[in-house]
Each structure stands twice: as structure tokens, then as C-alpha cells.
Amino acid sequence: MMTTPAAHTKRQRTCISCGTTTDKATLMRIVRTPDGQLSFDPTGKAAGRGAYVCSSACFAAAMKKKKLDRALKTTLGSDDYERIAACVASFEREVRE
């Protein structure tokens, strides 16, 4: 059996809400930076602990069930959720255009 070198494999990530596993580039990342700031990471490369969602609907579901809090190992306030939800929705609209 032939294996693919690690440098050539696509990074797979899982949506914290629906469990879909796909290429890292197709998911949206929310990050808790080393200094504790919470933000949407459009590049997927920001330093810190990340959580991935595949859509704004999955973000809303993750928010409702506090899955984002668990994945990022922190407690998000309603202002954090609102700010990040707006970024996720905006990013999703840009990708569709």
C-alpha cells in the first residue's frame, strides 16, 4: 500500500456543530488568541485555539448548545456571539458571490 507524504495531504477539520469532516479551507474558523481575544479568523492561520463551522446555521446551532464555548475552552458573552455571527454571515455571503 502506497502512502501519501504528510506534506501533500490536505488538512482535515470537523465542524463542531454537524460533525462534517472536510478540507480545512472550506470551513470557517473562530479563534481564541493566546491573549484571550475571540474573533473570526478568515485566513485560518491566526495563532490560538480554533473551532470550525461549515455554515452560519451551524454557527447558530453551536452557539445555542454552547459547543463553541467548549471547543474554545472559554465562555463567550452575547456580544462575542453577535460580533462573530456577523463576521461569519458576512464571510459566507462573500464566498457565495
PDB file of N, CA and C in Angstrom:
ATOM      1  N   MET A   1       0.838  -1.177   0.000  1.00  0.00           N
ATOM      2  CA  MET A   1       0.000   0.000   0.000  1.00  0.00           C
ATOM      3  C   MET A   1       0.882   1.239   0.000  1.00  0.00           C
ATOM      4  N   MET A   2       0.586   2.167  -0.883  1.00  0.00           N
ATOM      5  CA  MET A   2       1.372   3.385  -1.004  1.00  0.00           C
ATOM      6  C   MET A   2       0.765   4.491  -0.146  1.00  0.00           C
ATOM      7  N   THR A   3       1.584   5.182   0.608  1.00  0.00           N
ATOM      8  CA  THR A   3       1.084   6.277   1.448  1.00  0.00           C
ATOM      9  C   THR A   3       1.497   7.606   0.853  1.00  0.00           C
ATOM     10  N   THR A   4       0.695   8.605   1.139  1.00  0.00           N
ATOM     11  CA  THR A   4       0.979   9.952   0.662  1.00  0.00           C
ATOM     12  C   THR A   4       1.828  10.665   1.703  1.00  0.00           C
ATOM     13  N   PRO A   5       2.886  11.348   1.288  1.00  0.00           N
ATOM     14  CA  PRO A   5       3.698  12.098   2.251  1.00  0.00           C
ATOM     15  C   PRO A   5       2.853  13.144   2.964  1.00  0.00           C
ATOM     16  N   ALA A   6       3.146  13.374   4.220  1.00  0.00           N
ATOM     17  CA  ALA A   6       2.378  14.303   5.041  1.00  0.00           C
ATOM     18  C   ALA A   6       2.304  15.700   4.432  1.00  0.00           C
ATOM     19  N   ALA A   7       3.345  16.119   3.730  1.00  0.00           N
ATOM     20  CA  ALA A   7       3.372  17.456   3.140  1.00  0.00           C
ATOM     21  C   ALA A   7       2.334  17.628   2.042  1.00  0.00           C
ATOM     22  N   HIS A   8       1.855  16.522   1.466  1.00  0.00           N
ATOM     23  CA  HIS A   8       0.918  16.607   0.357  1.00  0.00           C
ATOM     24  C   HIS A   8      -0.528  16.310   0.738  1.00  0.00           C
ATOM     25  N   THR A   9      -0.784  15.989   1.990  1.00  0.00           N
ATOM     26  CA  THR A   9      -2.153  15.705   2.399  1.00  0.00           C
ATOM     27  C   THR A   9      -2.856  17.001   2.787  1.00  0.00           C
ATOM     28  N   LYS A  10      -4.154  17.054   2.481  1.00  0.00           N
ATOM     29  CA  LYS A  10      -4.948  18.227   2.847  1.00  0.00           C
ATOM     30  C   LYS A  10      -5.309  18.123   4.320  1.00  0.00           C
ATOM     31  N   ARG A  11      -5.280  19.255   5.015  1.00  0.00           N
ATOM     32  CA  ARG A  11      -5.612  19.281   6.432  1.00  0.00           C
ATOM     33  C   ARG A  11      -7.121  19.143   6.597  1.00  0.00           C
ATOM     34  N   GLN A  12      -7.559  18.124   7.283  1.00  0.00           N
ATOM     35  CA  GLN A  12      -8.975  17.880   7.520  1.00  0.00           C
ATOM     36  C   GLN A  12      -9.380  18.437   8.885  1.00  0.00           C
ATOM     37  N   ARG A  13     -10.546  19.049   8.922  1.00  0.00           N
ATOM     38  CA  ARG A  13     -11.102  19.576  10.162  1.00  0.00           C
ATOM     39  C   ARG A  13     -12.571  19.181  10.229  1.00  0.00           C
ATOM     40  N   THR A  14     -13.151  19.249  11.419  1.00  0.00           N
ATOM     41  CA  THR A  14     -14.529  18.848  11.632  1.00  0.00           C
ATOM     42  C   THR A  14     -15.351  20.016  12.151  1.00  0.00           C
ATOM     43  N   CYS A  15     -16.531  20.196  11.574  1.00  0.00           N
ATOM     44  CA  CYS A  15     -17.462  21.223  12.048  1.00  0.00           C
ATOM     45  C   CYS A  15     -17.912  20.833  13.455  1.00  0.00           C
ATOM     46  N   ILE A  16     -17.816  21.760  14.410  1.00  0.00           N
ATOM     47  CA  ILE A  16     -18.165  21.439  15.792  1.00  0.00           C
ATOM     48  C   ILE A  16     -19.661  21.254  15.987  1.00  0.00           C
ATOM     49  N   SER A  17     -20.461  21.670  15.021  1.00  0.00           N
ATOM     50  CA  SER A  17     -21.907  21.558  15.149  1.00  0.00           C
ATOM     51  C   SER A  17     -22.462  20.299  14.501  1.00  0.00           C
ATOM     52  N   CYS A  18     -22.245  20.116  13.204  1.00  0.00           N
ATOM     53  CA  CYS A  18     -22.857  18.992  12.486  1.00  0.00           C
ATOM     54  C   CYS A  18     -21.935  17.785  12.348  1.00  0.00           C
ATOM     55  N   GLY A  19     -20.640  17.977  12.595  1.00  0.00           N
ATOM     56  CA  GLY A  19     -19.703  16.865  12.530  1.00  0.00           C
ATOM     57  C   GLY A  19     -19.152  16.560  11.150  1.00  0.00           C
ATOM     58  N   THR A  20     -19.461  17.390  10.160  1.00  0.00           N
ATOM     59  CA  THR A  20     -18.938  17.189   8.812  1.00  0.00           C
ATOM     60  C   THR A  20     -17.428  17.369   8.821  1.00  0.00           C
ATOM     61  N   THR A  21     -16.705  16.400   8.269  1.00  0.00           N
ATOM     62  CA  THR A  21     -15.250  16.493   8.157  1.00  0.00           C
ATOM     63  C   THR A  21     -14.912  16.823   6.715  1.00  0.00           C
ATOM     64  N   THR A  22     -14.124  17.877   6.545  1.00  0.00           N
ATOM     65  CA  THR A  22     -13.763  18.312   5.200  1.00  0.00           C
ATOM     66  C   THR A  22     -12.433  19.054   5.237  1.00  0.00           C
ATOM     67  N   ASP A  23     -12.008  19.500   4.090  1.00  0.00           N
ATOM     68  CA  ASP A  23     -10.768  20.253   3.958  1.00  0.00           C
ATOM     69  C   ASP A  23     -10.827  21.529   4.810  1.00  0.00           C
ATOM     70  N   LYS A  24      -9.761  21.829   5.497  1.00  0.00           N
ATOM     71  CA  LYS A  24      -9.685  22.998   6.380  1.00  0.00           C
ATOM     72  C   LYS A  24     -10.103  24.285   5.671  1.00  0.00           C
ATOM     73  N   ALA A  25      -9.746  24.429   4.402  1.00  0.00           N
ATOM     74  CA  ALA A  25     -10.016  25.662   3.662  1.00  0.00           C
ATOM     75  C   ALA A  25     -11.501  25.889   3.399  1.00  0.00           C
ATOM     76  N   THR A  26     -12.319  24.859   3.473  1.00  0.00           N
ATOM     77  CA  THR A  26     -13.749  25.021   3.199  1.00  0.00           C
ATOM     78  C   THR A  26     -14.562  25.351   4.438  1.00  0.00           C
ATOM     79  N   LEU A  27     -13.944  25.288   5.607  1.00  0.00           N
ATOM     80  CA  LEU A  27     -14.630  25.611   6.858  1.00  0.00           C
ATOM     81  C   LEU A  27     -14.259  27.012   7.330  1.00  0.00           C
ATOM     82  N   MET A  28     -15.073  27.554   8.215  1.00  0.00           N
ATOM     83  CA  MET A  28     -14.796  28.867   8.794  1.00  0.00           C
ATOM     84  C   MET A  28     -14.271  28.667  10.218  1.00  0.00           C
ATOM     85  N   ARG A  29     -13.251  29.430  10.576  1.00  0.00           N
ATOM     86  CA  ARG A  29     -12.575  29.248  11.862  1.00  0.00           C
ATOM     87  C   ARG A  29     -12.853  30.404  12.810  1.00  0.00           C
ATOM     88  N   ILE A  30     -13.166  30.043  14.039  1.00  0.00           N
ATOM     89  CA  ILE A  30     -13.284  31.015  15.124  1.00  0.00           C
ATOM     90  C   ILE A  30     -12.109  30.716  16.044  1.00  0.00           C
ATOM     91  N   VAL A  31     -11.436  31.750  16.511  1.00  0.00           N
ATOM     92  CA  VAL A  31     -10.205  31.536  17.273  1.00  0.00           C
ATOM     93  C   VAL A  31     -10.233  32.286  18.602  1.00  0.00           C
ATOM     94  N   ARG A  32      -9.630  31.641  19.620  1.00  0.00           N
ATOM     95  CA  ARG A  32      -9.329  32.307  20.887  1.00  0.00           C
ATOM     96  C   ARG A  32      -7.820  32.486  20.882  1.00  0.00           C
ATOM     97  N   THR A  33      -7.385  33.732  20.793  1.00  0.00           N
ATOM     98  CA  THR A  33      -5.962  34.018  20.697  1.00  0.00           C
ATOM     99  C   THR A  33      -5.272  33.755  22.039  1.00  0.00           C
ATOM    100  N   PRO A  34      -3.946  33.659  22.037  1.00  0.00           N
ATOM    101  CA  PRO A  34      -3.224  33.423  23.292  1.00  0.00           C
ATOM    102  C   PRO A  34      -3.516  34.463  24.378  1.00  0.00           C
ATOM    103  N   ASP A  35      -3.887  35.690  23.965  1.00  0.00           N
ATOM    104  CA  ASP A  35      -4.212  36.713  24.968  1.00  0.00           C
ATOM    105  C   ASP A  35      -5.693  36.720  25.345  1.00  0.00           C
ATOM    106  N   GLY A  36      -6.471  35.726  24.849  1.00  0.00           N
ATOM    107  CA  GLY A  36      -7.859  35.572  25.256  1.00  0.00           C
ATOM    108  C   GLY A  36      -8.897  36.258  24.390  1.00  0.00           C
ATOM    109  N   GLN A  37      -8.470  36.924  23.327  1.00  0.00           N
ATOM    110  CA  GLN A  37      -9.416  37.593  22.433  1.00  0.00           C
ATOM    111  C   GLN A  37     -10.136  36.562  21.570  1.00  0.00           C
ATOM    112  N   LEU A  38     -11.419  36.800  21.321  1.00  0.00           N
ATOM    113  CA  LEU A  38     -12.212  35.899  20.483  1.00  0.00           C
ATOM    114  C   LEU A  38     -12.545  36.602  19.188  1.00  0.00           C
ATOM    115  N   SER A  39     -12.325  35.895  18.063  1.00  0.00           N
ATOM    116  CA  SER A  39     -12.615  36.529  16.780  1.00  0.00           C
ATOM    117  C   SER A  39     -12.798  35.494  15.684  1.00  0.00           C
ATOM    118  N   PHE A  40     -13.374  35.958  14.584  1.00  0.00           N
ATOM    119  CA  PHE A  40     -13.494  35.156  13.375  1.00  0.00           C
ATOM    120  C   PHE A  40     -12.146  35.235  12.666  1.00  0.00           C
ATOM    121  N   ASP A  41     -11.665  34.113  12.168  1.00  0.00           N
ATOM    122  CA  ASP A  41     -10.357  34.050  11.519  1.00  0.00           C
ATOM    123  C   ASP A  41     -10.533  33.686  10.045  1.00  0.00           C
ATOM    124  N   PRO A  42     -10.687  34.686   9.168  1.00  0.00           N
ATOM    125  CA  PRO A  42     -10.924  34.382   7.755  1.00  0.00           C
ATOM    126  C   PRO A  42      -9.741  33.692   7.071  1.00  0.00           C
ATOM    127  N   THR A  43      -8.534  33.874   7.586  1.00  0.00           N
ATOM    128  CA  THR A  43      -7.366  33.255   6.969  1.00  0.00           C
ATOM    129  C   THR A  43      -7.166  31.812   7.430  1.00  0.00           C
ATOM    130  N   GLY A  44      -7.696  31.481   8.596  1.00  0.00           N
ATOM    131  CA  GLY A  44      -7.492  30.147   9.155  1.00  0.00           C
ATOM    132  C   GLY A  44      -6.097  29.940   9.692  1.00  0.00           C
ATOM    133  N   LYS A  45      -5.342  31.026   9.844  1.00  0.00           N
ATOM    134  CA  LYS A  45      -3.937  30.907  10.254  1.00  0.00           C
ATOM    135  C   LYS A  45      -3.585  31.679  11.524  1.00  0.00           C
ATOM    136  N   ALA A  46      -4.555  32.330  12.140  1.00  0.00           N
ATOM    137  CA  ALA A  46      -4.271  33.114  13.344  1.00  0.00           C
ATOM    138  C   ALA A  46      -3.817  32.189  14.472  1.00  0.00           C
ATOM    139  N   ALA A  47      -2.908  32.687  15.287  1.00  0.00           N
ATOM    140  CA  ALA A  47      -2.406  31.910  16.415  1.00  0.00           C
ATOM    141  C   ALA A  47      -3.500  31.768  17.461  1.00  0.00           C
ATOM    142  N   GLY A  48      -3.597  30.597  18.038  1.00  0.00           N
ATOM    143  CA  GLY A  48      -4.567  30.375  19.101  1.00  0.00           C
ATOM    144  C   GLY A  48      -5.378  29.113  18.888  1.00  0.00           C
ATOM    145  N   ARG A  49      -6.290  28.881  19.811  1.00  0.00           N
ATOM    146  CA  ARG A  49      -7.152  27.700  19.767  1.00  0.00           C
ATOM    147  C   ARG A  49      -8.310  27.963  18.819  1.00  0.00           C
ATOM    148  N   GLY A  50      -8.517  27.089  17.872  1.00  0.00           N
ATOM    149  CA  GLY A  50      -9.549  27.299  16.868  1.00  0.00           C
ATOM    150  C   GLY A  50     -10.680  26.292  16.942  1.00  0.00           C
ATOM    151  N   ALA A  51     -11.829  26.729  16.435  1.00  0.00           N
ATOM    152  CA  ALA A  51     -13.002  25.866  16.281  1.00  0.00           C
ATOM    153  C   ALA A  51     -13.562  26.149  14.898  1.00  0.00           C
ATOM    154  N   TYR A  52     -14.066  25.115  14.241  1.00  0.00           N
ATOM    155  CA  TYR A  52     -14.519  25.246  12.863  1.00  0.00           C
ATOM    156  C   TYR A  52     -16.013  25.013  12.732  1.00  0.00           C
ATOM    157  N   VAL A  53     -16.656  25.806  11.862  1.00  0.00           N
ATOM    158  CA  VAL A  53     -18.061  25.618  11.499  1.00  0.00           C
ATOM    159  C   VAL A  53     -18.160  25.661   9.980  1.00  0.00           C
ATOM    160  N   CYS A  54     -19.162  24.956   9.432  1.00  0.00           N
ATOM    161  CA  CYS A  54     -19.277  24.906   7.980  1.00  0.00           C
ATOM    162  C   CYS A  54     -20.259  25.927   7.428  1.00  0.00           C
ATOM    163  N   SER A  55     -21.103  26.517   8.277  1.00  0.00           N
ATOM    164  CA  SER A  55     -22.088  27.490   7.802  1.00  0.00           C
ATOM    165  C   SER A  55     -22.555  28.371   8.958  1.00  0.00           C
ATOM    166  N   SER A  56     -23.275  29.433   8.604  1.00  0.00           N
ATOM    167  CA  SER A  56     -23.815  30.293   9.660  1.00  0.00           C
ATOM    168  C   SER A  56     -24.892  29.540  10.444  1.00  0.00           C
ATOM    169  N   ALA A  57     -25.594  28.604   9.796  1.00  0.00           N
ATOM    170  CA  ALA A  57     -26.590  27.789  10.503  1.00  0.00           C
ATOM    171  C   ALA A  57     -25.905  26.912  11.553  1.00  0.00           C
ATOM    172  N   CYS A  58     -24.770  26.334  11.201  1.00  0.00           N
ATOM    173  CA  CYS A  58     -24.019  25.527  12.169  1.00  0.00           C
ATOM    174  C   CYS A  58     -23.442  26.402  13.276  1.00  0.00           C
ATOM    175  N   PHE A  59     -23.042  27.624  12.944  1.00  0.00           N
ATOM    176  CA  PHE A  59     -22.560  28.543  13.970  1.00  0.00           C
ATOM    177  C   PHE A  59     -23.682  28.820  14.966  1.00  0.00           C
ATOM    178  N   ALA A  60     -24.889  29.084  14.456  1.00  0.00           N
ATOM    179  CA  ALA A  60     -26.038  29.365  15.328  1.00  0.00           C
ATOM    180  C   ALA A  60     -26.355  28.165  16.217  1.00  0.00           C
ATOM    181  N   ALA A  61     -26.304  26.969  15.644  1.00  0.00           N
ATOM    182  CA  ALA A  61     -26.565  25.763  16.428  1.00  0.00           C
ATOM    183  C   ALA A  61     -25.490  25.547  17.487  1.00  0.00           C
ATOM    184  N   ALA A  62     -24.237  25.791  17.124  1.00  0.00           N
ATOM    185  CA  ALA A  62     -23.132  25.646  18.079  1.00  0.00           C
ATOM    186  C   ALA A  62     -23.258  26.669  19.205  1.00  0.00           C
ATOM    187  N   MET A  63     -23.717  27.863  18.860  1.00  0.00           N
ATOM    188  CA  MET A  63     -23.915  28.912  19.854  1.00  0.00           C
ATOM    189  C   MET A  63     -25.017  28.496  20.830  1.00  0.00           C
ATOM    190  N   LYS A  64     -26.115  27.998  20.289  1.00  0.00           N
ATOM    191  CA  LYS A  64     -27.268  27.615  21.109  1.00  0.00           C
ATOM    192  C   LYS A  64     -26.920  26.513  22.097  1.00  0.00           C
ATOM    193  N   LYS A  65     -26.101  25.556  21.656  1.00  0.00           N
ATOM    194  CA  LYS A  65     -25.756  24.410  22.506  1.00  0.00           C
ATOM    195  C   LYS A  65     -24.438  24.605  23.258  1.00  0.00           C
ATOM    196  N   LYS A  66     -23.866  25.807  23.175  1.00  0.00           N
ATOM    197  CA  LYS A  66     -22.608  26.141  23.868  1.00  0.00           C
ATOM    198  C   LYS A  66     -21.435  25.278  23.410  1.00  0.00           C
ATOM    199  N   LYS A  67     -21.506  24.737  22.179  1.00  0.00           N
ATOM    200  CA  LYS A  67     -20.411  23.929  21.654  1.00  0.00           C
ATOM    201  C   LYS A  67     -19.178  24.775  21.374  1.00  0.00           C
ATOM    202  N   LEU A  68     -19.392  26.032  21.007  1.00  0.00           N
ATOM    203  CA  LEU A  68     -18.263  26.918  20.742  1.00  0.00           C
ATOM    204  C   LEU A  68     -17.493  27.198  22.031  1.00  0.00           C
ATOM    205  N   ASP A  69     -18.213  27.390  23.126  1.00  0.00           N
ATOM    206  CA  ASP A  69     -17.575  27.606  24.426  1.00  0.00           C
ATOM    207  C   ASP A  69     -16.677  26.421  24.785  1.00  0.00           C
ATOM    208  N   ARG A  70     -17.201  25.214  24.609  1.00  0.00           N
ATOM    209  CA  ARG A  70     -16.425  24.010  24.942  1.00  0.00           C
ATOM    210  C   ARG A  70     -15.222  23.850  24.026  1.00  0.00           C
ATOM    211  N   ALA A  71     -15.427  24.073  22.735  1.00  0.00           N
ATOM    212  CA  ALA A  71     -14.334  23.887  21.773  1.00  0.00           C
ATOM    213  C   ALA A  71     -13.194  24.882  22.015  1.00  0.00           C
ATOM    214  N   LEU A  72     -13.551  26.103  22.389  1.00  0.00           N
ATOM    215  CA  LEU A  72     -12.525  27.132  22.609  1.00  0.00           C
ATOM    216  C   LEU A  72     -12.054  27.193  24.063  1.00  0.00           C
ATOM    217  N   LYS A  73     -12.664  26.375  24.902  1.00  0.00           N
ATOM    218  CA  LYS A  73     -12.325  26.319  26.327  1.00  0.00           C
ATOM    219  C   LYS A  73     -12.394  27.698  26.985  1.00  0.00           C
ATOM    220  N   THR A  74     -13.528  28.366  26.761  1.00  0.00           N
ATOM    221  CA  THR A  74     -13.763  29.677  27.343  1.00  0.00           C
ATOM    222  C   THR A  74     -15.267  29.913  27.391  1.00  0.00           C
ATOM    223  N   THR A  75     -15.685  31.029  27.957  1.00  0.00           N
ATOM    224  CA  THR A  75     -17.098  31.388  27.975  1.00  0.00           C
ATOM    225  C   THR A  75     -17.285  32.618  27.106  1.00  0.00           C
ATOM    226  N   LEU A  76     -18.113  32.478  26.085  1.00  0.00           N
ATOM    227  CA  LEU A  76     -18.382  33.598  25.193  1.00  0.00           C
ATOM    228  C   LEU A  76     -19.590  34.361  25.698  1.00  0.00           C
ATOM    229  N   GLY A  77     -19.503  35.680  25.673  1.00  0.00           N
ATOM    230  CA  GLY A  77     -20.628  36.518  26.040  1.00  0.00           C
ATOM    231  C   GLY A  77     -21.519  36.748  24.830  1.00  0.00           C
ATOM    232  N   SER A  78     -22.697  37.301  25.066  1.00  0.00           N
ATOM    233  CA  SER A  78     -23.622  37.539  23.959  1.00  0.00           C
ATOM    234  C   SER A  78     -23.037  38.518  22.946  1.00  0.00           C
ATOM    235  N   ASP A  79     -22.243  39.490  23.418  1.00  0.00           N
ATOM    236  CA  ASP A  79     -21.610  40.435  22.487  1.00  0.00           C
ATOM    237  C   ASP A  79     -20.576  39.730  21.602  1.00  0.00           C
ATOM    238  N   ASP A  80     -19.855  38.733  22.156  1.00  0.00           N
ATOM    239  CA  ASP A  80     -18.901  37.948  21.363  1.00  0.00           C
ATOM    240  C   ASP A  80     -19.645  37.178  20.280  1.00  0.00           C
ATOM    241  N   TYR A  81     -20.729  36.514  20.681  1.00  0.00           N
ATOM    242  CA  TYR A  81     -21.525  35.736  19.720  1.00  0.00           C
ATOM    243  C   TYR A  81     -22.073  36.617  18.609  1.00  0.00           C
ATOM    244  N   GLU A  82     -22.612  37.771  18.963  1.00  0.00           N
ATOM    245  CA  GLU A  82     -23.196  38.671  17.956  1.00  0.00           C
ATOM    246  C   GLU A  82     -22.134  39.161  16.975  1.00  0.00           C
ATOM    247  N   ARG A  83     -20.985  39.565  17.511  1.00  0.00           N
ATOM    248  CA  ARG A  83     -19.902  40.076  16.664  1.00  0.00           C
ATOM    249  C   ARG A  83     -19.382  38.999  15.719  1.00  0.00           C
ATOM    250  N   ILE A  84     -19.151  37.804  16.246  1.00  0.00           N
ATOM    251  CA  ILE A  84     -18.621  36.718  15.425  1.00  0.00           C
ATOM    252  C   ILE A  84     -19.673  36.231  14.435  1.00  0.00           C
ATOM    253  N   ALA A  85     -20.935  36.178  14.848  1.00  0.00           N
ATOM    254  CA  ALA A  85     -22.014  35.754  13.950  1.00  0.00           C
ATOM    255  C   ALA A  85     -22.110  36.691  12.748  1.00  0.00           C
ATOM    256  N   ALA A  86     -21.949  37.988  12.977  1.00  0.00           N
ATOM    257  CA  ALA A  86     -21.982  38.955  11.877  1.00  0.00           C
ATOM    258  C   ALA A  86     -20.823  38.711  10.910  1.00  0.00           C
ATOM    259  N   CYS A  87     -19.643  38.422  11.438  1.00  0.00           N
ATOM    260  CA  CYS A  87     -18.480  38.135  10.589  1.00  0.00           C
ATOM    261  C   CYS A  87     -18.670  36.852   9.795  1.00  0.00           C
ATOM    262  N   VAL A  88     -19.207  35.812  10.432  1.00  0.00           N
ATOM    263  CA  VAL A  88     -19.449  34.535   9.759  1.00  0.00           C
ATOM    264  C   VAL A  88     -20.450  34.728   8.627  1.00  0.00           C
ATOM    265  N   ALA A  89     -21.551  35.433   8.897  1.00  0.00           N
ATOM    266  CA  ALA A  89     -22.577  35.666   7.880  1.00  0.00           C
ATOM    267  C   ALA A  89     -22.021  36.487   6.718  1.00  0.00           C
ATOM    268  N   SER A  90     -21.236  37.509   7.033  1.00  0.00           N
ATOM    269  CA  SER A  90     -20.640  38.352   6.004  1.00  0.00           C
ATOM    270  C   SER A  90     -19.677  37.536   5.132  1.00  0.00           C
ATOM    271  N   PHE A  91     -18.847  36.732   5.768  1.00  0.00           N
ATOM    272  CA  PHE A  91     -17.889  35.903   5.039  1.00  0.00           C
ATOM    273  C   PHE A  91     -18.621  34.909   4.144  1.00  0.00           C
ATOM    274  N   GLU A  92     -19.673  34.311   4.667  1.00  0.00           N
ATOM    275  CA  GLU A  92     -20.442  33.340   3.898  1.00  0.00           C
ATOM    276  C   GLU A  92     -21.075  33.987   2.663  1.00  0.00           C
ATOM    277  N   ARG A  93     -21.577  35.222   2.802  1.00  0.00           N
ATOM    278  CA  ARG A  93     -22.153  35.949   1.664  1.00  0.00           C
ATOM    279  C   ARG A  93     -21.075  36.230   0.619  1.00  0.00           C
ATOM    280  N   GLU A  94     -19.893  36.651   1.049  1.00  0.00           N
ATOM    281  CA  GLU A  94     -18.793  36.964   0.115  1.00  0.00           C
ATOM    282  C   GLU A  94     -18.368  35.727  -0.665  1.00  0.00           C
ATOM    283  N   VAL A  95     -18.325  34.585  -0.014  1.00  0.00           N
ATOM    284  CA  VAL A  95     -17.897  33.338  -0.659  1.00  0.00           C
ATOM    285  C   VAL A  95     -18.914  32.914  -1.722  1.00  0.00           C
ATOM    286  N   ARG A  96     -20.200  33.120  -1.453  1.00  0.00           N
ATOM    287  CA  ARG A  96     -21.241  32.736  -2.407  1.00  0.00           C
ATOM    288  C   ARG A  96     -21.254  33.605  -3.646  1.00  0.00           C
ATOM    289  N   GLU A  97     -20.775  34.844  -3.552  1.00  0.00           N
ATOM    290  CA  GLU A  97     -20.822  35.773  -4.693  1.00  0.00           C
ATOM    291  C   GLU A  97     -19.786  35.460  -5.742  1.00  0.00           C
TER     292      GLU A  97
END
